[in-house]
Amino acid sequence: MSSMIERLFYSKVGQGLLSAMGVKPPVDLPRFAGEIPWVKNTVAMAEPAQESLARVLHQCGINHEVRQADKKYDAHIFDACQLQTSADLKSLYDDFSKAANALNPTAKVLIIGRNPERCDSAEQASVMSALNGFTRSLAKELGRKAIYVNLLYVDQDITDTAASSINFLLSARAAYVTGQPLIVNQHSVEEANWQQPLAGKTALVTGAAQGIGAAIAKTLHRDGAHIIGLDIPQAEQALENTMSEVNGTALCLDITSDTAAEDIQQALKGEPLDILVHNAGVTRDKTIARMPEHFWDMAININLKAPMSINQALEKSGMFAEDARVICISSISGIAGNVGQTNYSASKSGIAGYVSAQSKQWQNSNRTVNAIAPGFIETQMTEQIPFMTREMGRRMNSLSQGGKPEDVAEAVAFFAQPASGSLNGQLLRVCGQSLLGA
């Protein structure tokens, strides 16, 4: 019955009825297809802007010009770093009241401000905090045209530490990221290699057999990394198939086993690990009153305990590279909560807290740890959700559609880059600005 309803829903007749009711189909989202530079079209810059912004755009290979009143653009940058007082916020209105109608569908808007915690006065901190609410609201207003709006906070001025973030957020790699803030620090970064950002790196991806994990493995391989894919023995054939596509190494083991970290070290053959992606996870849904104890234990042990234990063991044994990147997959459920998912939500919220705390332990090193919180991503798992529930999940975001595994993978690859060393302790939502947890 569900499949019949779905076929009717997506038929010409069904779409015609929806259109008559004012429900428009979502805009097709452009996704990265290997283009260099990542951003091909000219970016409009609002005036005034720091000269350093132009230098960073040039470093990324991005063409830019001061916004022309008679032109439409595919990208727009507003440099808000110099705003000091509440009166200065009027410049947002002055610019975007005109620029909003001069953007093509699927355009990218990036607002850059100073980290409120690094401001010289309480008033300036309030002004910079105001950018967050403005960004989220504008993203919801423009989302019907699939126009993206994101916010980047820098420590003081715009420097090369922000280059990878600017390039990512203005490109099709960030196909399902909108309404989100990111904070870059002043930690020195390596010069970016935009063609093969991960050349020579070794990446271990857990839960790599299929779905989001397989997409992560393929994307990191595309960017130059050698992949070690890890999954449970029951998924051995699927894992072997995925690893054959990326010329990677398959590693079958249970990450909750007492020997998991030791087995990983043996697979590394004494070589340091550059990138570790904790993607493996499970859901065991029941309301708390009906939840079997082993449902709770499985979710906590696999989703939260195992990643922390593996990280601790690898760090203690010196297996992390000096500039290692650790990326953990959290979830919108960890931010918003969900009925029947107290165990899962607790584990994913715990991951976000772990990343925040661990980043402080590494703040004086070249290592980073960050988290990604996916929203509704189209996978084999979501295909099992009843149609109407699934359709609601797809639509409950500013882009009115679900994301793809590749969208999560692109965010992982972004955090994994050597040029992203100024990003530490971040939680990036890849959710199309989900209404859940908004």
Protein backbone atom coordinates (compact mmCIF):
# COMPACT_ATOMS: atom_id res chain seq x y z
CA MET A 1 0.00 0.00 0.00
CA SER A 2 2.82 2.39 0.92
CA SER A 3 4.60 1.84 -2.41
CA MET A 4 1.34 2.46 -4.30
CA ILE A 5 0.84 5.77 -2.49
CA GLU A 6 4.43 6.75 -3.23
CA ARG A 7 4.07 5.98 -6.95
CA LEU A 8 0.91 8.09 -7.09
CA PHE A 9 2.57 10.89 -5.14
CA TYR A 10 5.48 11.16 -7.59
CA SER A 11 3.41 10.61 -10.74
CA LYS A 12 2.53 13.50 -13.06
CA VAL A 13 -1.02 13.44 -11.73
CA GLY A 14 0.15 13.50 -8.13
CA GLN A 15 2.64 16.29 -8.72
CA GLY A 16 -0.03 18.23 -10.60
CA LEU A 17 -2.39 17.98 -7.64
CA LEU A 18 0.34 19.09 -5.27
CA SER A 19 1.16 22.05 -7.51
CA ALA A 20 -2.51 23.05 -7.55
CA MET A 21 -2.43 23.04 -3.75
CA GLY A 22 0.65 25.28 -3.77
CA VAL A 23 3.14 22.52 -2.89
CA LYS A 24 6.05 22.96 -5.28
CA PRO A 25 8.65 20.27 -6.00
CA PRO A 26 12.03 21.02 -4.43
CA VAL A 27 14.79 22.62 -6.48
CA ASP A 28 17.48 20.24 -7.73
CA LEU A 29 20.62 20.86 -5.69
CA PRO A 30 23.93 21.14 -7.56
CA ARG A 31 26.59 18.80 -6.23
CA PHE A 32 30.34 18.71 -6.66
CA ALA A 33 31.54 16.97 -9.82
CA GLY A 34 35.30 17.45 -9.56
CA GLU A 35 35.45 20.98 -10.93
CA ILE A 36 38.56 23.09 -10.32
CA PRO A 37 38.32 25.73 -9.01
CA TRP A 38 35.57 24.59 -6.68
CA VAL A 39 33.69 27.87 -7.23
CA LYS A 40 33.41 28.67 -10.93
CA ASN A 41 31.12 31.68 -11.08
CA THR A 42 31.92 35.22 -10.00
CA VAL A 43 31.22 36.01 -6.35
CA ALA A 44 29.63 39.34 -5.47
CA MET A 45 31.20 41.20 -2.54
CA ALA A 46 29.28 43.70 -0.46
CA GLU A 47 31.08 46.95 0.32
CA PRO A 48 33.07 47.66 2.38
CA ALA A 49 35.17 44.50 2.66
CA GLN A 50 38.65 43.88 4.01
CA GLU A 51 41.43 43.62 1.45
CA SER A 52 42.39 40.37 3.14
CA LEU A 53 39.09 38.81 1.99
CA ALA A 54 40.01 39.47 -1.64
CA ARG A 55 43.40 37.84 -1.05
CA VAL A 56 41.81 34.71 0.43
CA LEU A 57 39.33 34.46 -2.45
CA HIS A 58 42.23 34.72 -4.88
CA GLN A 59 44.03 31.97 -2.94
CA CYS A 60 40.96 29.76 -3.52
CA GLY A 61 40.88 30.62 -7.23
CA ILE A 62 37.55 32.44 -6.81
CA ASN A 63 36.71 35.33 -9.12
CA HIS A 64 35.00 38.21 -7.33
CA GLU A 65 33.76 41.74 -7.84
CA VAL A 66 31.87 44.42 -5.97
CA ARG A 67 28.16 43.68 -6.38
CA GLN A 68 26.68 45.40 -9.43
CA ALA A 69 23.08 46.57 -9.10
CA ASP A 70 22.06 45.34 -12.56
CA LYS A 71 23.50 41.80 -12.28
CA LYS A 72 22.39 38.51 -10.77
CA TYR A 73 24.89 36.31 -8.97
CA ASP A 74 25.45 32.72 -7.89
CA ALA A 75 27.29 33.75 -4.73
CA HIS A 76 27.41 36.73 -2.38
CA ILE A 77 29.77 37.54 0.51
CA PHE A 78 29.12 40.04 3.27
CA ASP A 79 32.11 40.98 5.45
CA ALA A 80 30.69 41.99 8.83
CA CYS A 81 33.97 41.88 10.77
CA GLN A 82 34.17 45.65 11.16
CA LEU A 83 30.69 46.14 12.61
CA GLN A 84 30.91 47.61 16.11
CA THR A 85 27.52 48.90 17.26
CA SER A 86 23.87 47.93 16.99
CA ALA A 87 23.44 50.81 14.55
CA ASP A 88 26.00 49.16 12.29
CA LEU A 89 23.65 46.20 11.84
CA LYS A 90 21.63 48.43 9.50
CA SER A 91 24.24 47.59 6.87
CA LEU A 92 22.75 44.08 6.74
CA TYR A 93 19.40 45.55 5.79
CA ASP A 94 20.95 48.00 3.33
CA ASP A 95 22.76 45.22 1.49
CA PHE A 96 20.44 42.23 1.63
CA SER A 97 17.21 44.10 0.99
CA LYS A 98 18.63 44.55 -2.52
CA ALA A 99 20.94 41.55 -2.87
CA ALA A 100 18.25 39.00 -1.93
CA ASN A 101 16.48 39.59 -5.24
CA ALA A 102 19.73 39.56 -7.20
CA LEU A 103 20.57 35.93 -6.44
CA ASN A 104 19.99 33.01 -8.78
CA PRO A 105 18.39 29.80 -7.47
CA THR A 106 20.92 27.63 -5.57
CA ALA A 107 23.15 30.67 -4.97
CA LYS A 108 25.50 30.71 -1.98
CA VAL A 109 25.50 33.49 0.59
CA LEU A 110 28.31 33.72 3.13
CA ILE A 111 28.40 36.18 6.01
CA ILE A 112 31.73 36.57 7.81
CA GLY A 113 32.01 38.04 11.29
CA ARG A 114 34.26 38.05 14.33
CA ASN A 115 33.91 35.33 16.94
CA PRO A 116 31.78 36.95 19.68
CA GLU A 117 34.16 35.53 22.30
CA ARG A 118 37.05 37.43 20.69
CA CYS A 119 35.37 40.83 20.49
CA ASP A 120 36.75 43.96 22.15
CA SER A 121 33.48 45.00 23.80
CA ALA A 122 30.19 43.53 24.97
CA GLU A 123 28.36 45.61 22.38
CA GLN A 124 30.42 44.26 19.51
CA ALA A 125 29.93 40.72 20.86
CA SER A 126 26.17 41.30 20.77
CA VAL A 127 26.43 42.58 17.20
CA MET A 128 28.37 39.51 16.11
CA SER A 129 25.89 37.25 17.89
CA ALA A 130 23.10 39.01 16.00
CA LEU A 131 24.63 37.69 12.77
CA ASN A 132 23.66 34.18 13.85
CA GLY A 133 19.95 34.94 14.12
CA PHE A 134 20.06 36.94 10.90
CA THR A 135 21.77 34.09 9.04
CA ARG A 136 19.30 31.46 10.22
CA SER A 137 16.29 33.63 9.36
CA LEU A 138 17.62 34.61 5.94
CA ALA A 139 18.36 30.95 5.17
CA LYS A 140 14.72 30.11 5.88
CA GLU A 141 13.48 32.99 3.73
CA LEU A 142 15.65 32.09 0.74
CA GLY A 143 15.52 28.33 1.13
CA ARG A 144 12.45 28.06 -1.11
CA LYS A 145 14.79 28.93 -4.00
CA ALA A 146 17.44 26.59 -2.59
CA ILE A 147 19.62 29.61 -1.84
CA TYR A 148 22.11 28.79 0.90
CA VAL A 149 23.06 31.18 3.71
CA ASN A 150 25.87 30.36 6.13
CA LEU A 151 27.95 32.19 8.72
CA LEU A 152 31.69 32.03 9.31
CA TYR A 153 33.23 33.44 12.46
CA VAL A 154 36.93 34.36 12.46
CA ASP A 155 39.14 35.33 15.40
CA GLN A 156 40.07 38.83 14.30
CA ASP A 157 40.58 39.38 10.59
CA ILE A 158 40.03 37.20 7.54
CA THR A 159 43.23 35.26 6.87
CA ASP A 160 44.30 32.09 5.08
CA THR A 161 43.04 30.12 8.10
CA ALA A 162 39.55 30.72 6.71
CA ALA A 163 40.35 29.68 3.12
CA SER A 164 39.16 26.07 3.27
CA SER A 165 35.92 27.08 5.00
CA ILE A 166 35.18 29.85 2.51
CA ASN A 167 35.92 27.59 -0.45
CA PHE A 168 33.74 24.79 0.97
CA LEU A 169 30.75 26.93 1.91
CA LEU A 170 30.69 28.71 -1.46
CA SER A 171 31.00 25.47 -3.44
CA ALA A 172 28.70 22.62 -4.44
CA ARG A 173 30.50 20.46 -1.87
CA ALA A 174 28.26 22.07 0.74
CA ALA A 175 25.10 20.93 -1.05
CA TYR A 176 23.06 20.27 2.10
CA VAL A 177 24.53 22.84 4.50
CA THR A 178 22.55 26.03 5.10
CA GLY A 179 21.71 28.23 8.06
CA GLN A 180 24.83 27.07 9.89
CA PRO A 181 27.64 28.85 11.78
CA LEU A 182 31.27 27.72 11.75
CA ILE A 183 34.10 29.10 13.85
CA VAL A 184 37.71 29.16 12.64
CA ASN A 185 40.60 29.90 14.96
CA GLN A 186 44.01 31.38 14.20
CA HIS A 187 45.87 28.06 14.19
CA SER A 188 48.32 27.99 11.31
CA VAL A 189 47.30 25.81 8.37
CA GLU A 190 49.04 24.15 5.47
CA GLU A 191 48.75 25.60 2.00
CA ALA A 192 45.75 23.98 0.35
CA ASN A 193 45.91 21.49 -2.47
CA TRP A 194 42.45 21.96 -3.95
CA GLN A 195 42.79 19.13 -6.49
CA GLN A 196 43.96 16.35 -4.15
CA PRO A 197 43.55 17.72 -0.62
CA LEU A 198 44.22 14.32 1.00
CA ALA A 199 47.07 13.07 -1.18
CA GLY A 200 49.35 10.76 0.78
CA LYS A 201 46.99 10.47 3.75
CA THR A 202 45.66 7.27 5.32
CA ALA A 203 42.02 7.30 6.43
CA LEU A 204 40.18 4.75 8.56
CA VAL A 205 36.39 4.81 8.14
CA THR A 206 34.19 2.74 10.45
CA GLY A 207 30.86 1.43 9.16
CA ALA A 208 32.29 1.66 5.64
CA ALA A 209 30.43 -1.20 3.95
CA GLN A 210 27.47 0.76 2.66
CA GLY A 211 25.37 3.89 2.98
CA ILE A 212 27.01 6.98 4.42
CA GLY A 213 30.18 5.09 5.36
CA ALA A 214 30.72 3.86 1.80
CA ALA A 215 30.14 7.39 0.48
CA ILE A 216 32.73 8.73 2.93
CA ALA A 217 35.27 6.12 1.81
CA LYS A 218 34.72 6.96 -1.86
CA THR A 219 34.93 10.71 -1.30
CA LEU A 220 38.12 10.55 0.76
CA HIS A 221 39.61 8.27 -1.91
CA ARG A 222 38.62 10.77 -4.60
CA ASP A 223 40.53 13.42 -2.66
CA GLY A 224 43.67 11.27 -2.60
CA ALA A 225 43.53 9.25 0.63
CA HIS A 226 44.27 5.54 1.05
CA ILE A 227 41.23 3.98 2.71
CA ILE A 228 41.02 1.36 5.43
CA GLY A 229 37.37 0.43 5.64
CA LEU A 230 36.11 -1.14 8.84
CA ASP A 231 32.81 -2.94 9.41
CA ILE A 232 31.36 -5.91 11.26
CA PRO A 233 32.08 -9.45 10.01
CA GLN A 234 28.44 -9.85 8.92
CA ALA A 235 29.01 -7.08 6.35
CA GLU A 236 32.24 -8.56 5.00
CA GLN A 237 31.09 -9.02 1.41
CA ALA A 238 29.63 -5.52 1.14
CA LEU A 239 32.79 -4.11 2.71
CA GLU A 240 35.01 -6.01 0.27
CA ASN A 241 32.93 -4.65 -2.63
CA THR A 242 33.26 -1.07 -1.42
CA MET A 243 36.99 -1.39 -0.77
CA SER A 244 37.55 -2.83 -4.24
CA GLU A 245 36.04 0.36 -5.69
CA VAL A 246 38.55 2.53 -3.85
CA ASN A 247 41.58 0.20 -3.88
CA GLY A 248 41.30 0.16 -0.12
CA THR A 249 41.90 -2.30 2.69
CA ALA A 250 39.00 -4.14 4.33
CA LEU A 251 39.09 -4.66 8.09
CA CYS A 252 36.30 -6.78 9.60
CA LEU A 253 35.86 -6.43 13.34
CA ASP A 254 33.46 -5.38 16.07
CA ILE A 255 34.44 -1.93 17.35
CA THR A 256 33.06 -2.79 20.79
CA SER A 257 35.42 -5.74 21.24
CA ASP A 258 38.23 -5.51 23.79
CA THR A 259 40.82 -5.99 21.03
CA ALA A 260 39.38 -3.46 18.54
CA ALA A 261 42.08 -0.82 19.04
CA GLU A 262 44.83 -3.45 18.92
CA ASP A 263 43.41 -4.90 15.70
CA ILE A 264 43.32 -1.42 14.18
CA GLN A 265 46.95 -0.83 15.13
CA GLN A 266 47.94 -4.09 13.43
CA ALA A 267 46.08 -3.03 10.28
CA LEU A 268 48.07 0.22 10.26
CA LYS A 269 51.33 -1.78 10.22
CA GLY A 270 53.12 0.76 12.33
CA GLU A 271 52.21 3.71 10.10
CA PRO A 272 50.55 6.76 11.72
CA LEU A 273 46.84 7.32 11.11
CA ASP A 274 46.06 10.65 9.47
CA ILE A 275 42.26 10.55 9.39
CA LEU A 276 39.80 8.63 11.58
CA VAL A 277 36.09 8.78 10.80
CA HIS A 278 33.78 7.36 13.45
CA ASN A 279 30.75 6.64 11.29
CA ALA A 280 29.61 3.22 12.58
CA GLY A 281 26.37 3.41 14.53
CA VAL A 282 23.07 1.71 15.28
CA THR A 283 19.53 2.63 16.19
CA ARG A 284 17.49 0.50 18.56
CA ASP A 285 14.22 2.38 18.86
CA LYS A 286 11.71 1.96 21.67
CA THR A 287 10.13 4.34 24.14
CA ILE A 288 12.04 4.22 27.41
CA ALA A 289 9.26 2.35 29.22
CA ARG A 290 9.32 -0.43 26.63
CA MET A 291 13.03 -0.49 25.83
CA PRO A 292 14.91 -3.74 26.53
CA GLU A 293 18.13 -3.20 28.45
CA HIS A 294 20.25 -4.57 25.60
CA PHE A 295 18.79 -1.93 23.23
CA TRP A 296 20.16 0.76 25.53
CA ASP A 297 23.52 -0.94 25.90
CA MET A 298 24.00 -1.47 22.16
CA ALA A 299 23.33 2.15 21.24
CA ILE A 300 25.59 3.57 23.94
CA ASN A 301 28.41 1.07 23.46
CA ILE A 302 28.57 1.27 19.66
CA ASN A 303 27.73 4.93 19.10
CA LEU A 304 29.55 6.52 22.03
CA LYS A 305 31.78 4.26 24.11
CA ALA A 306 33.62 2.59 21.22
CA PRO A 307 34.74 5.80 19.44
CA MET A 308 36.06 7.25 22.69
CA SER A 309 37.84 4.02 23.65
CA ILE A 310 39.47 3.66 20.23
CA ASN A 311 40.62 7.29 20.21
CA GLN A 312 42.10 6.95 23.68
CA ALA A 313 43.96 3.75 22.80
CA LEU A 314 45.34 5.10 19.52
CA GLU A 315 46.51 8.31 21.16
CA LYS A 316 48.13 6.44 24.05
CA SER A 317 50.00 4.15 21.65
CA GLY A 318 51.18 7.08 19.50
CA MET A 319 49.32 5.91 16.39
CA PHE A 320 47.78 9.27 15.53
CA ALA A 321 49.74 11.43 13.10
CA GLU A 322 50.92 14.78 14.46
CA ASP A 323 48.26 16.54 12.37
CA ALA A 324 45.58 13.85 12.66
CA ARG A 325 41.96 14.63 11.85
CA VAL A 326 39.22 12.85 13.82
CA ILE A 327 35.66 13.26 12.55
CA CYS A 328 32.72 11.85 14.50
CA ILE A 329 29.22 11.41 13.12
CA SER A 330 26.60 12.77 15.51
CA SER A 331 22.95 13.35 14.52
CA ILE A 332 20.16 15.89 14.52
CA SER A 333 18.49 13.49 16.97
CA GLY A 334 21.30 14.26 19.38
CA ILE A 335 20.46 17.96 19.15
CA ALA A 336 16.66 17.85 19.07
CA GLY A 337 15.81 14.51 20.64
CA ASN A 338 13.29 12.10 19.15
CA VAL A 339 10.43 9.98 20.44
CA GLY A 340 11.57 6.40 20.90
CA GLN A 341 15.24 7.33 20.63
CA THR A 342 16.36 8.20 24.15
CA ASN A 343 19.27 5.79 23.78
CA TYR A 344 20.31 6.94 20.30
CA SER A 345 19.84 10.65 21.08
CA ALA A 346 21.85 10.31 24.28
CA SER A 347 24.70 8.62 22.40
CA LYS A 348 24.79 11.21 19.64
CA SER A 349 24.52 14.13 22.04
CA GLY A 350 27.35 12.51 23.98
CA ILE A 351 29.47 12.45 20.81
CA ALA A 352 28.97 16.20 20.38
CA GLY A 353 30.00 16.79 23.99
CA TYR A 354 33.02 14.53 23.63
CA VAL A 355 34.21 16.41 20.54
CA SER A 356 33.87 19.74 22.31
CA ALA A 357 35.87 18.53 25.32
CA GLN A 358 38.52 16.62 23.34
CA SER A 359 39.15 19.62 21.10
CA LYS A 360 40.31 21.55 24.16
CA GLN A 361 42.78 18.77 24.96
CA TRP A 362 44.23 19.15 21.47
CA GLN A 363 44.06 22.93 21.13
CA ASN A 364 47.84 23.34 21.47
CA SER A 365 48.60 20.59 18.96
CA ASN A 366 48.12 20.24 15.21
CA ARG A 367 45.38 17.64 15.67
CA THR A 368 41.69 18.42 15.36
CA VAL A 369 38.45 16.69 16.24
CA ASN A 370 35.09 17.74 14.81
CA ALA A 371 31.58 16.36 14.50
CA ILE A 372 28.90 16.27 11.82
CA ALA A 373 25.19 16.05 12.58
CA PRO A 374 23.30 14.71 9.55
CA GLY A 375 19.61 15.36 9.15
CA PHE A 376 17.33 13.31 6.90
CA ILE A 377 19.69 11.48 4.54
CA GLU A 378 18.33 9.18 1.81
CA THR A 379 19.70 5.72 2.60
CA GLN A 380 18.51 2.12 2.59
CA MET A 381 17.52 2.64 6.22
CA THR A 382 15.25 5.62 5.47
CA GLU A 383 13.64 3.68 2.63
CA GLN A 384 12.13 1.40 5.28
CA ILE A 385 10.31 4.30 6.96
CA PRO A 386 6.56 4.47 6.11
CA PHE A 387 6.01 6.75 3.13
CA MET A 388 4.13 9.65 4.75
CA THR A 389 6.53 9.76 7.70
CA ARG A 390 9.45 9.64 5.27
CA GLU A 391 8.01 12.42 3.12
CA MET A 392 7.52 14.64 6.17
CA GLY A 393 11.12 13.99 7.19
CA ARG A 394 12.30 15.02 3.74
CA ARG A 395 10.29 18.23 3.71
CA MET A 396 10.96 19.51 7.23
CA ASN A 397 13.93 21.68 6.32
CA SER A 398 14.61 24.88 4.44
CA LEU A 399 15.56 23.04 1.22
CA SER A 400 12.37 20.88 1.35
CA GLN A 401 14.20 17.65 0.52
CA GLY A 402 16.39 14.93 1.95
CA GLY A 403 20.14 14.92 1.63
CA LYS A 404 22.37 12.27 0.10
CA PRO A 405 25.15 10.22 1.70
CA GLU A 406 27.59 12.18 -0.45
CA ASP A 407 26.58 15.38 1.34
CA VAL A 408 27.79 13.99 4.66
CA ALA A 409 30.90 12.63 2.95
CA GLU A 410 31.81 16.05 1.54
CA ALA A 411 31.62 17.56 5.02
CA VAL A 412 33.90 14.81 6.34
CA ALA A 413 36.39 15.47 3.54
CA PHE A 414 36.28 19.18 4.37
CA PHE A 415 37.21 18.61 8.02
CA ALA A 416 39.85 16.05 7.00
CA GLN A 417 41.89 18.50 4.89
CA PRO A 418 45.26 19.72 6.14
CA ALA A 419 44.04 23.22 5.22
CA SER A 420 41.20 22.85 7.76
CA GLY A 421 43.51 22.87 10.77
CA SER A 422 41.82 26.01 12.09
CA LEU A 423 38.57 24.10 12.66
CA ASN A 424 38.51 22.30 15.99
CA GLY A 425 35.60 21.29 18.21
CA GLN A 426 32.99 22.19 15.61
CA LEU A 427 29.58 20.55 15.19
CA LEU A 428 28.42 21.05 11.60
CA ARG A 429 24.83 20.22 10.78
CA VAL A 430 24.36 18.67 7.34
CA CYS A 431 20.60 18.85 7.40
CA GLY A 432 19.30 21.46 4.93
CA GLN A 433 18.52 23.56 8.04
CA SER A 434 16.21 21.02 9.60
CA LEU A 435 13.29 22.38 11.58
CA LEU A 436 14.16 19.82 14.26
CA GLY A 437 16.51 21.31 16.81
CA ALA A 438 16.34 24.67 15.04
